[in-house]
């Protein structure tokens, strides 16, 4: 008898903006199967979902509303990874727009203070000791500090990663962060099996 191992199907959420191609190439290089999804039915067939981020909060939230995906994402029960803007949209509100967001994690997204050069861009040392690549002008301010898993110092302490149940968020870009990013993407996919 031949036993076939299940290879998780990772969905990459299509949105009005984003760095979908970079995520696809990173997963492909790691030997991870993925597909771009944009409807509730397609999302429902995935074993894990990545919401890549680039762009602005208000137009992306409007796009999600137009496609009736807000409740679909709020109720997603498998591993979910929001990257950069994808992480920020997990929160209640964003000053960028301003916009009402998904409200999965309590808190808000605020603009970096004037003391920090915007966009905050480049390699930064995470509180884990590893280095990761950032490019953003807004930061997450969770109501509950227990959801914060990684921070970075850049004149101020910046929330670099969060987790609430099956929802993960990274302010940094794993697809641009070399071995650090590869390790995180591999970890996330293992959760999807």
N, C-alpha and C. Protein backbone atom coordinates (compact mmCIF):
# COMPACT_ATOMS: atom_id res chain seq x y z
N UNK A 1 0.84 -1.18 0.00
CA UNK A 1 0.00 0.00 0.00
C UNK A 1 0.88 1.24 0.00
N UNK A 2 0.56 2.19 -0.86
CA UNK A 2 1.31 3.45 -0.95
C UNK A 2 0.59 4.51 -0.15
N UNK A 3 1.32 5.14 0.74
CA UNK A 3 0.77 6.23 1.54
C UNK A 3 1.29 7.54 0.97
N UNK A 4 0.39 8.40 0.57
CA UNK A 4 0.80 9.70 0.04
C UNK A 4 0.76 10.74 1.17
N UNK A 5 1.85 11.44 1.31
CA UNK A 5 1.92 12.50 2.32
C UNK A 5 1.20 13.74 1.79
N UNK A 6 0.48 14.37 2.64
CA UNK A 6 -0.26 15.58 2.26
C UNK A 6 0.71 16.76 2.18
N UNK A 7 0.73 17.40 1.04
CA UNK A 7 1.52 18.61 0.88
C UNK A 7 0.55 19.78 1.00
N UNK A 8 0.74 20.66 1.98
CA UNK A 8 -0.24 21.72 2.18
C UNK A 8 -0.34 22.66 0.98
N UNK A 9 -1.53 23.11 0.71
CA UNK A 9 -1.75 24.09 -0.35
C UNK A 9 -1.82 25.46 0.29
N UNK A 10 -0.82 26.27 0.02
CA UNK A 10 -0.73 27.61 0.59
C UNK A 10 -1.35 28.60 -0.39
N UNK A 11 -2.32 29.34 0.08
CA UNK A 11 -2.93 30.38 -0.74
C UNK A 11 -2.24 31.71 -0.50
N UNK A 12 -2.05 32.46 -1.58
CA UNK A 12 -1.53 33.82 -1.50
C UNK A 12 -2.68 34.74 -1.92
N UNK A 13 -3.12 35.57 -1.02
CA UNK A 13 -4.31 36.39 -1.26
C UNK A 13 -4.02 37.47 -2.29
N UNK A 14 -4.82 37.45 -3.35
CA UNK A 14 -4.74 38.51 -4.36
C UNK A 14 -5.48 39.73 -3.82
N UNK A 15 -4.79 40.86 -3.85
CA UNK A 15 -5.43 42.11 -3.45
C UNK A 15 -5.10 43.17 -4.48
N UNK A 16 -5.64 44.36 -4.30
CA UNK A 16 -5.45 45.42 -5.28
C UNK A 16 -4.00 45.88 -5.35
N UNK A 17 -3.21 45.56 -4.33
CA UNK A 17 -1.77 45.84 -4.34
C UNK A 17 -1.09 44.66 -3.70
N UNK A 18 0.20 44.67 -3.67
CA UNK A 18 0.89 43.59 -2.96
C UNK A 18 2.11 43.11 -3.71
N UNK A 19 2.89 42.31 -3.03
CA UNK A 19 4.11 41.76 -3.61
C UNK A 19 3.93 40.26 -3.81
N UNK A 20 2.88 39.89 -4.52
CA UNK A 20 2.53 38.49 -4.72
C UNK A 20 3.66 37.72 -5.39
N UNK A 21 4.26 38.30 -6.43
CA UNK A 21 5.32 37.61 -7.17
C UNK A 21 6.50 37.25 -6.29
N UNK A 22 6.89 38.14 -5.39
CA UNK A 22 8.03 37.86 -4.51
C UNK A 22 7.73 36.70 -3.58
N UNK A 23 6.50 36.66 -3.05
CA UNK A 23 6.11 35.56 -2.16
C UNK A 23 6.06 34.26 -2.94
N UNK A 24 5.48 34.28 -4.14
CA UNK A 24 5.41 33.07 -4.97
C UNK A 24 6.81 32.50 -5.23
N UNK A 25 7.73 33.38 -5.61
CA UNK A 25 9.10 32.93 -5.92
C UNK A 25 9.80 32.37 -4.68
N UNK A 26 9.60 33.00 -3.52
CA UNK A 26 10.21 32.50 -2.29
C UNK A 26 9.69 31.11 -1.94
N UNK A 27 8.38 30.93 -2.02
CA UNK A 27 7.80 29.61 -1.71
C UNK A 27 8.25 28.56 -2.72
N UNK A 28 8.29 28.94 -4.00
CA UNK A 28 8.73 28.00 -5.04
C UNK A 28 10.18 27.57 -4.79
N UNK A 29 11.03 28.52 -4.44
CA UNK A 29 12.44 28.21 -4.16
C UNK A 29 12.57 27.24 -3.00
N UNK A 30 11.64 27.33 -2.03
CA UNK A 30 11.65 26.44 -0.86
C UNK A 30 10.92 25.12 -1.13
N UNK A 31 10.38 24.95 -2.36
CA UNK A 31 9.67 23.72 -2.70
C UNK A 31 8.28 23.64 -2.10
N UNK A 32 7.67 24.79 -1.85
CA UNK A 32 6.35 24.85 -1.21
C UNK A 32 5.30 25.18 -2.27
N UNK A 33 4.26 24.34 -2.36
CA UNK A 33 3.19 24.56 -3.32
C UNK A 33 2.34 25.74 -2.88
N UNK A 34 2.02 26.61 -3.85
CA UNK A 34 1.16 27.76 -3.53
C UNK A 34 0.32 28.10 -4.75
N UNK A 35 -0.72 28.87 -4.51
CA UNK A 35 -1.56 29.39 -5.59
C UNK A 35 -2.12 30.73 -5.15
N UNK A 36 -2.40 31.59 -6.12
CA UNK A 36 -2.99 32.89 -5.82
C UNK A 36 -4.50 32.70 -5.74
N UNK A 37 -5.10 33.20 -4.66
CA UNK A 37 -6.54 33.05 -4.44
C UNK A 37 -7.18 34.43 -4.28
N UNK A 38 -8.43 34.54 -4.71
CA UNK A 38 -9.09 35.83 -4.61
C UNK A 38 -10.56 35.77 -4.31
N UNK A 39 -11.11 34.57 -4.17
CA UNK A 39 -12.53 34.43 -3.85
C UNK A 39 -12.71 33.62 -2.58
N UNK A 40 -13.89 33.71 -1.99
CA UNK A 40 -14.17 32.93 -0.77
C UNK A 40 -14.00 31.44 -1.03
N UNK A 41 -14.48 30.97 -2.18
CA UNK A 41 -14.38 29.54 -2.51
C UNK A 41 -12.93 29.10 -2.61
N UNK A 42 -12.10 29.91 -3.27
CA UNK A 42 -10.68 29.56 -3.40
C UNK A 42 -9.98 29.58 -2.05
N UNK A 43 -10.28 30.57 -1.24
CA UNK A 43 -9.68 30.68 0.09
C UNK A 43 -10.05 29.46 0.93
N UNK A 44 -11.29 29.00 0.81
CA UNK A 44 -11.76 27.85 1.58
C UNK A 44 -11.04 26.56 1.26
N UNK A 45 -10.38 26.47 0.11
CA UNK A 45 -9.67 25.25 -0.29
C UNK A 45 -8.21 25.23 0.18
N UNK A 46 -7.75 26.31 0.80
CA UNK A 46 -6.35 26.39 1.21
C UNK A 46 -6.12 25.77 2.58
N UNK A 47 -4.88 25.36 2.82
CA UNK A 47 -4.47 24.84 4.13
C UNK A 47 -3.82 25.93 4.97
N UNK A 48 -3.51 27.03 4.36
CA UNK A 48 -2.90 28.18 5.01
C UNK A 48 -2.97 29.35 4.05
N UNK A 49 -3.01 30.56 4.58
CA UNK A 49 -3.20 31.74 3.73
C UNK A 49 -2.17 32.80 4.08
N UNK A 50 -1.54 33.36 3.03
CA UNK A 50 -0.59 34.46 3.20
C UNK A 50 -1.20 35.71 2.57
N UNK A 51 -1.24 36.79 3.34
CA UNK A 51 -1.74 38.08 2.87
C UNK A 51 -0.53 38.99 2.72
N UNK A 52 0.05 39.07 1.50
CA UNK A 52 1.24 39.89 1.31
C UNK A 52 0.88 41.36 1.34
N UNK A 53 1.83 42.17 1.73
CA UNK A 53 1.50 43.57 1.89
C UNK A 53 2.41 44.53 1.19
N UNK A 54 1.78 45.40 0.47
CA UNK A 54 2.39 46.60 -0.08
C UNK A 54 1.21 47.47 -0.46
N UNK A 55 1.35 48.75 -0.33
CA UNK A 55 0.23 49.61 -0.68
C UNK A 55 -0.31 50.33 0.54
N UNK A 56 -1.55 50.78 0.43
CA UNK A 56 -2.17 51.60 1.47
C UNK A 56 -3.41 50.91 2.03
N UNK A 57 -3.68 51.15 3.30
CA UNK A 57 -4.75 50.45 4.01
C UNK A 57 -6.13 50.68 3.41
N UNK A 58 -6.51 51.92 3.15
CA UNK A 58 -7.87 52.22 2.72
C UNK A 58 -8.24 51.56 1.39
N UNK A 59 -7.43 51.69 0.33
CA UNK A 59 -7.83 51.04 -0.92
C UNK A 59 -7.86 49.51 -0.83
N UNK A 60 -6.97 48.94 -0.05
CA UNK A 60 -6.97 47.47 0.09
C UNK A 60 -8.20 47.02 0.86
N UNK A 61 -8.56 47.72 1.94
CA UNK A 61 -9.78 47.36 2.67
C UNK A 61 -11.01 47.55 1.80
N UNK A 62 -11.06 48.61 0.99
CA UNK A 62 -12.19 48.79 0.08
C UNK A 62 -12.28 47.65 -0.92
N UNK A 63 -11.14 47.18 -1.41
CA UNK A 63 -11.12 46.05 -2.34
C UNK A 63 -11.65 44.78 -1.66
N UNK A 64 -11.23 44.54 -0.43
CA UNK A 64 -11.71 43.36 0.30
C UNK A 64 -13.22 43.44 0.52
N UNK A 65 -13.72 44.62 0.85
CA UNK A 65 -15.17 44.81 1.04
C UNK A 65 -15.91 44.57 -0.26
N UNK A 66 -15.40 45.12 -1.36
CA UNK A 66 -16.05 44.95 -2.66
C UNK A 66 -16.15 43.48 -3.06
N UNK A 67 -15.18 42.68 -2.66
CA UNK A 67 -15.18 41.25 -2.99
C UNK A 67 -15.80 40.39 -1.88
N UNK A 68 -16.41 41.04 -0.89
CA UNK A 68 -17.07 40.32 0.23
C UNK A 68 -16.12 39.36 0.94
N UNK A 69 -14.89 39.81 1.18
CA UNK A 69 -13.89 38.94 1.80
C UNK A 69 -13.59 39.29 3.25
N UNK A 70 -14.14 40.38 3.77
CA UNK A 70 -13.81 40.80 5.13
C UNK A 70 -14.20 39.70 6.13
N UNK A 71 -15.43 39.23 6.09
CA UNK A 71 -15.87 38.19 7.03
C UNK A 71 -15.17 36.87 6.76
N UNK A 72 -14.88 36.58 5.52
CA UNK A 72 -14.14 35.34 5.17
C UNK A 72 -12.79 35.34 5.87
N UNK A 73 -12.09 36.46 5.81
CA UNK A 73 -10.77 36.55 6.45
C UNK A 73 -10.89 36.54 7.97
N UNK A 74 -11.85 37.25 8.50
CA UNK A 74 -12.05 37.27 9.96
C UNK A 74 -12.31 35.88 10.51
N UNK A 75 -12.99 35.05 9.75
CA UNK A 75 -13.38 33.72 10.20
C UNK A 75 -12.45 32.62 9.73
N UNK A 76 -11.33 32.98 9.11
CA UNK A 76 -10.40 31.96 8.61
C UNK A 76 -9.83 31.20 9.80
N UNK A 77 -9.91 29.89 9.78
CA UNK A 77 -9.55 29.09 10.96
C UNK A 77 -8.23 28.33 10.82
N UNK A 78 -7.59 28.43 9.65
CA UNK A 78 -6.30 27.77 9.43
C UNK A 78 -5.19 28.80 9.60
N UNK A 79 -3.93 28.39 9.56
CA UNK A 79 -2.85 29.36 9.72
C UNK A 79 -2.92 30.50 8.69
N UNK A 80 -2.80 31.71 9.18
CA UNK A 80 -2.92 32.93 8.37
C UNK A 80 -1.70 33.79 8.66
N UNK A 81 -1.03 34.25 7.62
CA UNK A 81 0.16 35.10 7.78
C UNK A 81 -0.05 36.41 7.04
N UNK A 82 -0.08 37.51 7.78
CA UNK A 82 -0.13 38.84 7.18
C UNK A 82 1.26 39.44 7.17
N UNK A 83 1.68 39.92 6.01
CA UNK A 83 3.02 40.49 5.86
C UNK A 83 2.90 41.99 5.60
N UNK A 84 3.60 42.79 6.39
CA UNK A 84 3.65 44.26 6.29
C UNK A 84 2.24 44.83 6.33
N UNK A 85 1.70 45.34 5.23
CA UNK A 85 0.33 45.85 5.25
C UNK A 85 -0.64 44.73 5.63
N UNK A 86 -0.35 43.50 5.21
CA UNK A 86 -1.20 42.36 5.59
C UNK A 86 -1.27 42.18 7.10
N UNK A 87 -0.18 42.46 7.80
CA UNK A 87 -0.19 42.43 9.27
C UNK A 87 -0.99 43.60 9.81
N UNK A 88 -0.75 44.79 9.27
CA UNK A 88 -1.43 45.99 9.77
C UNK A 88 -2.94 45.87 9.65
N UNK A 89 -3.41 45.23 8.59
CA UNK A 89 -4.86 45.11 8.38
C UNK A 89 -5.51 44.13 9.35
N UNK A 90 -4.72 43.37 10.12
CA UNK A 90 -5.28 42.51 11.15
C UNK A 90 -5.85 43.33 12.31
N UNK A 91 -5.44 44.58 12.44
CA UNK A 91 -5.82 45.42 13.57
C UNK A 91 -7.17 46.11 13.34
N UNK A 92 -7.64 46.85 14.34
CA UNK A 92 -8.95 47.50 14.28
C UNK A 92 -8.99 48.65 13.27
N UNK A 93 -8.04 49.55 13.39
CA UNK A 93 -8.05 50.75 12.55
C UNK A 93 -6.63 51.11 12.13
N UNK A 94 -6.55 51.92 11.07
CA UNK A 94 -5.27 52.44 10.62
C UNK A 94 -5.40 53.94 10.36
N UNK A 95 -4.38 54.68 10.75
CA UNK A 95 -4.33 56.11 10.43
C UNK A 95 -4.12 56.33 8.94
N UNK A 96 -3.66 55.31 8.25
CA UNK A 96 -3.41 55.43 6.81
C UNK A 96 -4.75 55.34 6.08
N UNK A 97 -5.27 56.46 5.73
CA UNK A 97 -6.57 56.50 5.08
C UNK A 97 -7.39 57.67 5.62
N UNK A 98 -7.89 57.60 6.84
CA UNK A 98 -7.87 56.47 7.78
C UNK A 98 -8.76 55.35 7.29
N UNK A 99 -8.61 54.16 7.92
CA UNK A 99 -9.36 53.00 7.49
C UNK A 99 -9.76 52.13 8.68
N UNK A 100 -10.95 51.58 8.60
CA UNK A 100 -11.34 50.49 9.49
C UNK A 100 -10.77 49.22 8.89
N UNK A 101 -10.14 48.41 9.73
CA UNK A 101 -9.47 47.22 9.23
C UNK A 101 -10.23 45.96 9.64
N UNK A 102 -9.57 44.82 9.68
CA UNK A 102 -10.24 43.54 9.92
C UNK A 102 -10.67 43.34 11.37
N UNK A 103 -10.00 43.98 12.33
CA UNK A 103 -10.40 43.86 13.72
C UNK A 103 -10.17 42.50 14.34
N UNK A 104 -9.19 41.77 13.84
CA UNK A 104 -8.87 40.45 14.38
C UNK A 104 -8.01 40.60 15.63
N UNK A 105 -7.12 41.57 15.61
CA UNK A 105 -6.27 41.89 16.76
C UNK A 105 -6.63 43.29 17.22
N UNK A 106 -6.89 43.44 18.52
CA UNK A 106 -7.27 44.74 19.07
C UNK A 106 -6.06 45.68 19.01
N UNK A 107 -6.34 46.91 18.58
CA UNK A 107 -5.29 47.91 18.52
C UNK A 107 -5.40 48.71 17.24
N UNK A 108 -4.42 49.58 17.04
CA UNK A 108 -4.46 50.46 15.88
C UNK A 108 -3.11 50.51 15.19
N UNK A 109 -3.13 51.07 13.99
CA UNK A 109 -1.92 51.26 13.21
C UNK A 109 -1.70 52.76 13.12
N UNK A 110 -0.49 53.19 13.49
CA UNK A 110 -0.18 54.62 13.53
C UNK A 110 1.05 54.91 12.68
N UNK A 111 1.14 56.16 12.25
CA UNK A 111 2.30 56.56 11.46
C UNK A 111 3.54 56.61 12.35
N UNK A 112 4.67 56.23 11.79
CA UNK A 112 5.93 56.36 12.52
C UNK A 112 6.11 57.82 12.94
N UNK A 113 6.67 58.06 14.12
CA UNK A 113 6.86 59.45 14.56
C UNK A 113 7.87 60.17 13.69
N UNK A 114 7.82 61.50 13.74
CA UNK A 114 8.70 62.33 12.93
C UNK A 114 10.18 62.12 13.23
N UNK A 115 10.49 61.52 14.38
CA UNK A 115 11.89 61.27 14.73
C UNK A 115 12.49 60.10 13.95
N UNK A 116 11.64 59.32 13.26
CA UNK A 116 12.10 58.17 12.49
C UNK A 116 11.95 58.50 11.01
N UNK A 117 13.01 58.27 10.26
CA UNK A 117 12.96 58.53 8.82
C UNK A 117 11.96 57.60 8.15
N UNK A 118 11.11 58.19 7.28
CA UNK A 118 10.08 57.41 6.61
C UNK A 118 10.36 57.38 5.11
N UNK A 119 10.18 56.24 4.47
CA UNK A 119 9.82 54.98 5.10
C UNK A 119 10.99 54.40 5.88
N UNK A 120 10.66 53.64 6.93
CA UNK A 120 11.66 52.85 7.67
C UNK A 120 12.02 51.72 6.72
N UNK A 121 13.24 51.75 6.20
CA UNK A 121 13.61 50.81 5.15
C UNK A 121 15.02 50.29 5.38
N UNK A 122 15.17 48.98 5.26
CA UNK A 122 16.48 48.37 5.35
C UNK A 122 16.51 47.23 6.35
N UNK A 123 17.73 46.74 6.59
CA UNK A 123 17.94 45.60 7.47
C UNK A 123 18.00 46.06 8.92
N UNK A 124 17.30 45.34 9.77
CA UNK A 124 17.28 45.66 11.20
C UNK A 124 17.38 44.38 12.00
N UNK A 125 18.01 44.50 13.16
CA UNK A 125 18.16 43.35 14.04
C UNK A 125 16.90 43.16 14.88
N UNK A 126 16.31 41.97 14.77
CA UNK A 126 15.12 41.63 15.53
C UNK A 126 15.48 41.31 16.97
N UNK A 127 14.49 41.32 17.84
CA UNK A 127 14.73 40.96 19.24
C UNK A 127 15.15 39.50 19.38
N UNK A 128 14.99 38.70 18.34
CA UNK A 128 15.46 37.31 18.33
C UNK A 128 16.96 37.21 18.03
N UNK A 129 17.56 38.33 17.61
CA UNK A 129 18.98 38.34 17.25
C UNK A 129 19.21 38.21 15.76
N UNK A 130 18.19 37.83 15.01
CA UNK A 130 18.32 37.69 13.56
C UNK A 130 18.07 39.03 12.89
N UNK A 131 18.44 39.12 11.61
CA UNK A 131 18.23 40.33 10.84
C UNK A 131 17.11 40.11 9.83
N UNK A 132 16.30 41.16 9.61
CA UNK A 132 15.20 41.08 8.66
C UNK A 132 15.08 42.42 7.93
N UNK A 133 14.44 42.34 6.76
CA UNK A 133 14.31 43.52 5.91
C UNK A 133 12.95 44.18 6.10
N UNK A 134 12.96 45.48 6.36
CA UNK A 134 11.75 46.27 6.59
C UNK A 134 11.59 47.33 5.51
N UNK A 135 10.34 47.65 5.18
CA UNK A 135 10.03 48.85 4.40
C UNK A 135 8.58 49.23 4.73
N UNK A 136 8.41 50.30 5.53
CA UNK A 136 7.08 50.72 5.97
C UNK A 136 7.14 52.11 6.59
N UNK A 137 5.97 52.75 6.65
CA UNK A 137 5.86 54.07 7.27
C UNK A 137 4.87 54.08 8.43
N UNK A 138 4.18 52.95 8.62
CA UNK A 138 3.19 52.82 9.70
C UNK A 138 3.56 51.63 10.57
N UNK A 139 3.15 51.68 11.84
CA UNK A 139 3.46 50.61 12.79
C UNK A 139 2.22 50.21 13.57
N UNK A 140 2.24 48.99 14.06
CA UNK A 140 1.11 48.45 14.83
C UNK A 140 1.28 48.77 16.31
N UNK A 141 0.16 49.12 16.93
CA UNK A 141 0.13 49.40 18.37
C UNK A 141 -0.97 48.54 18.99
N UNK A 142 -0.63 47.27 19.35
CA UNK A 142 -1.64 46.39 19.92
C UNK A 142 -2.12 46.87 21.28
N UNK A 143 -3.40 46.65 21.56
CA UNK A 143 -3.95 46.94 22.89
C UNK A 143 -3.39 45.96 23.91
N UNK A 144 -3.21 44.71 23.52
CA UNK A 144 -2.71 43.65 24.39
C UNK A 144 -1.28 43.32 23.99
N UNK A 145 -0.32 43.67 24.84
CA UNK A 145 1.08 43.44 24.51
C UNK A 145 1.44 41.96 24.42
N UNK A 146 0.56 41.08 24.91
CA UNK A 146 0.86 39.64 24.85
C UNK A 146 0.85 39.09 23.43
N UNK A 147 0.26 39.83 22.47
CA UNK A 147 0.26 39.35 21.07
C UNK A 147 1.59 39.64 20.38
N UNK A 148 2.43 40.48 20.98
CA UNK A 148 3.71 40.85 20.38
C UNK A 148 4.70 39.70 20.58
N UNK A 149 5.28 39.23 19.47
CA UNK A 149 6.25 38.12 19.56
C UNK A 149 7.67 38.55 19.25
N UNK A 150 7.83 39.60 18.45
CA UNK A 150 9.17 40.08 18.08
C UNK A 150 9.12 41.60 17.98
N UNK A 151 10.18 42.26 18.42
CA UNK A 151 10.29 43.71 18.27
C UNK A 151 11.62 44.04 17.60
N UNK A 152 11.78 45.31 17.23
CA UNK A 152 13.03 45.81 16.68
C UNK A 152 13.21 47.23 17.19
N UNK A 153 14.45 47.62 17.47
CA UNK A 153 14.76 48.98 17.90
C UNK A 153 15.17 49.80 16.68
N UNK A 154 14.52 50.92 16.48
CA UNK A 154 14.91 51.82 15.40
C UNK A 154 14.64 53.25 15.88
N UNK A 155 15.36 53.63 16.91
CA UNK A 155 15.11 54.89 17.58
C UNK A 155 13.96 54.75 18.57
N UNK A 156 12.97 53.96 18.21
CA UNK A 156 11.86 53.58 19.08
C UNK A 156 11.68 52.07 18.94
N UNK A 157 10.95 51.47 19.87
CA UNK A 157 10.67 50.05 19.73
C UNK A 157 9.51 49.87 18.76
N UNK A 158 9.72 49.06 17.75
CA UNK A 158 8.71 48.80 16.72
C UNK A 158 8.26 47.36 16.85
N UNK A 159 6.95 47.14 16.79
CA UNK A 159 6.40 45.78 16.79
C UNK A 159 6.75 45.13 15.45
N UNK A 160 7.53 44.07 15.49
CA UNK A 160 7.99 43.41 14.27
C UNK A 160 7.19 42.16 13.94
N UNK A 161 6.52 41.56 14.94
CA UNK A 161 5.71 40.37 14.68
C UNK A 161 4.67 40.22 15.78
N UNK A 162 3.53 39.66 15.39
CA UNK A 162 2.44 39.40 16.34
C UNK A 162 1.87 38.02 16.07
N UNK A 163 1.16 37.51 17.09
CA UNK A 163 0.40 36.27 16.91
C UNK A 163 -0.81 36.30 17.84
N UNK A 164 -1.94 35.96 17.25
CA UNK A 164 -3.15 35.74 18.02
C UNK A 164 -3.81 34.50 17.43
N UNK A 165 -3.79 33.42 18.21
CA UNK A 165 -4.34 32.14 17.78
C UNK A 165 -3.72 31.73 16.45
N UNK A 166 -4.52 31.55 15.40
CA UNK A 166 -3.98 31.10 14.11
C UNK A 166 -3.50 32.25 13.23
N UNK A 167 -3.60 33.49 13.72
CA UNK A 167 -3.22 34.66 12.93
C UNK A 167 -1.81 35.13 13.32
N UNK A 168 -0.93 35.18 12.33
CA UNK A 168 0.44 35.65 12.49
C UNK A 168 0.61 36.92 11.67
N UNK A 169 1.44 37.83 12.14
CA UNK A 169 1.75 39.02 11.37
C UNK A 169 3.21 39.36 11.46
N UNK A 170 3.78 39.77 10.35
CA UNK A 170 5.18 40.21 10.29
C UNK A 170 5.21 41.61 9.70
N UNK A 171 5.84 42.55 10.40
CA UNK A 171 6.03 43.87 9.81
C UNK A 171 7.15 43.83 8.78
N UNK A 172 8.06 42.89 8.93
CA UNK A 172 9.17 42.74 7.99
C UNK A 172 8.79 41.79 6.86
N UNK A 173 9.61 41.78 5.83
CA UNK A 173 9.32 40.99 4.63
C UNK A 173 10.15 39.71 4.61
N UNK A 174 9.54 38.55 4.89
CA UNK A 174 10.32 37.31 4.87
C UNK A 174 10.85 36.98 3.47
N UNK A 175 10.13 37.39 2.44
CA UNK A 175 10.56 37.09 1.07
C UNK A 175 11.79 37.89 0.66
N UNK A 176 12.17 38.89 1.48
CA UNK A 176 13.35 39.71 1.19
C UNK A 176 14.39 39.59 2.29
N UNK A 177 14.20 38.65 3.21
CA UNK A 177 15.04 38.58 4.41
C UNK A 177 15.95 37.36 4.46
N UNK A 178 16.30 36.81 3.32
CA UNK A 178 17.28 35.72 3.26
C UNK A 178 16.91 34.53 4.11
N UNK A 179 17.91 34.00 4.82
CA UNK A 179 17.70 32.79 5.62
C UNK A 179 16.69 33.00 6.74
N UNK A 180 16.66 34.18 7.33
CA UNK A 180 15.68 34.47 8.39
C UNK A 180 14.27 34.31 7.84
N UNK A 181 14.02 34.89 6.68
CA UNK A 181 12.71 34.78 6.05
C UNK A 181 12.38 33.37 5.63
N UNK A 182 13.37 32.66 5.08
CA UNK A 182 13.15 31.26 4.67
C UNK A 182 12.76 30.40 5.87
N UNK A 183 13.44 30.62 7.00
CA UNK A 183 13.11 29.83 8.19
C UNK A 183 11.68 30.11 8.65
N UNK A 184 11.29 31.39 8.62
CA UNK A 184 9.94 31.71 9.07
C UNK A 184 8.89 31.13 8.12
N UNK A 185 9.09 31.27 6.82
CA UNK A 185 8.11 30.73 5.87
C UNK A 185 8.01 29.22 6.00
N UNK A 186 9.13 28.54 6.20
CA UNK A 186 9.11 27.08 6.40
C UNK A 186 8.37 26.70 7.67
N UNK A 187 8.59 27.46 8.75
CA UNK A 187 7.88 27.25 10.01
C UNK A 187 6.38 27.41 9.80
N UNK A 188 5.98 28.49 9.11
CA UNK A 188 4.56 28.73 8.87
C UNK A 188 3.92 27.59 8.09
N UNK A 189 4.61 27.12 7.05
CA UNK A 189 4.04 26.04 6.23
C UNK A 189 3.91 24.74 7.03
N UNK A 190 4.86 24.49 7.93
CA UNK A 190 4.74 23.28 8.77
C UNK A 190 3.47 23.33 9.62
N UNK A 191 3.03 24.50 10.02
CA UNK A 191 1.80 24.64 10.79
C UNK A 191 0.56 24.31 9.96
N UNK A 192 0.69 24.37 8.66
CA UNK A 192 -0.44 24.18 7.75
C UNK A 192 -0.73 22.72 7.43
N UNK A 193 0.11 21.81 7.89
CA UNK A 193 -0.08 20.38 7.55
C UNK A 193 -1.13 19.75 8.42
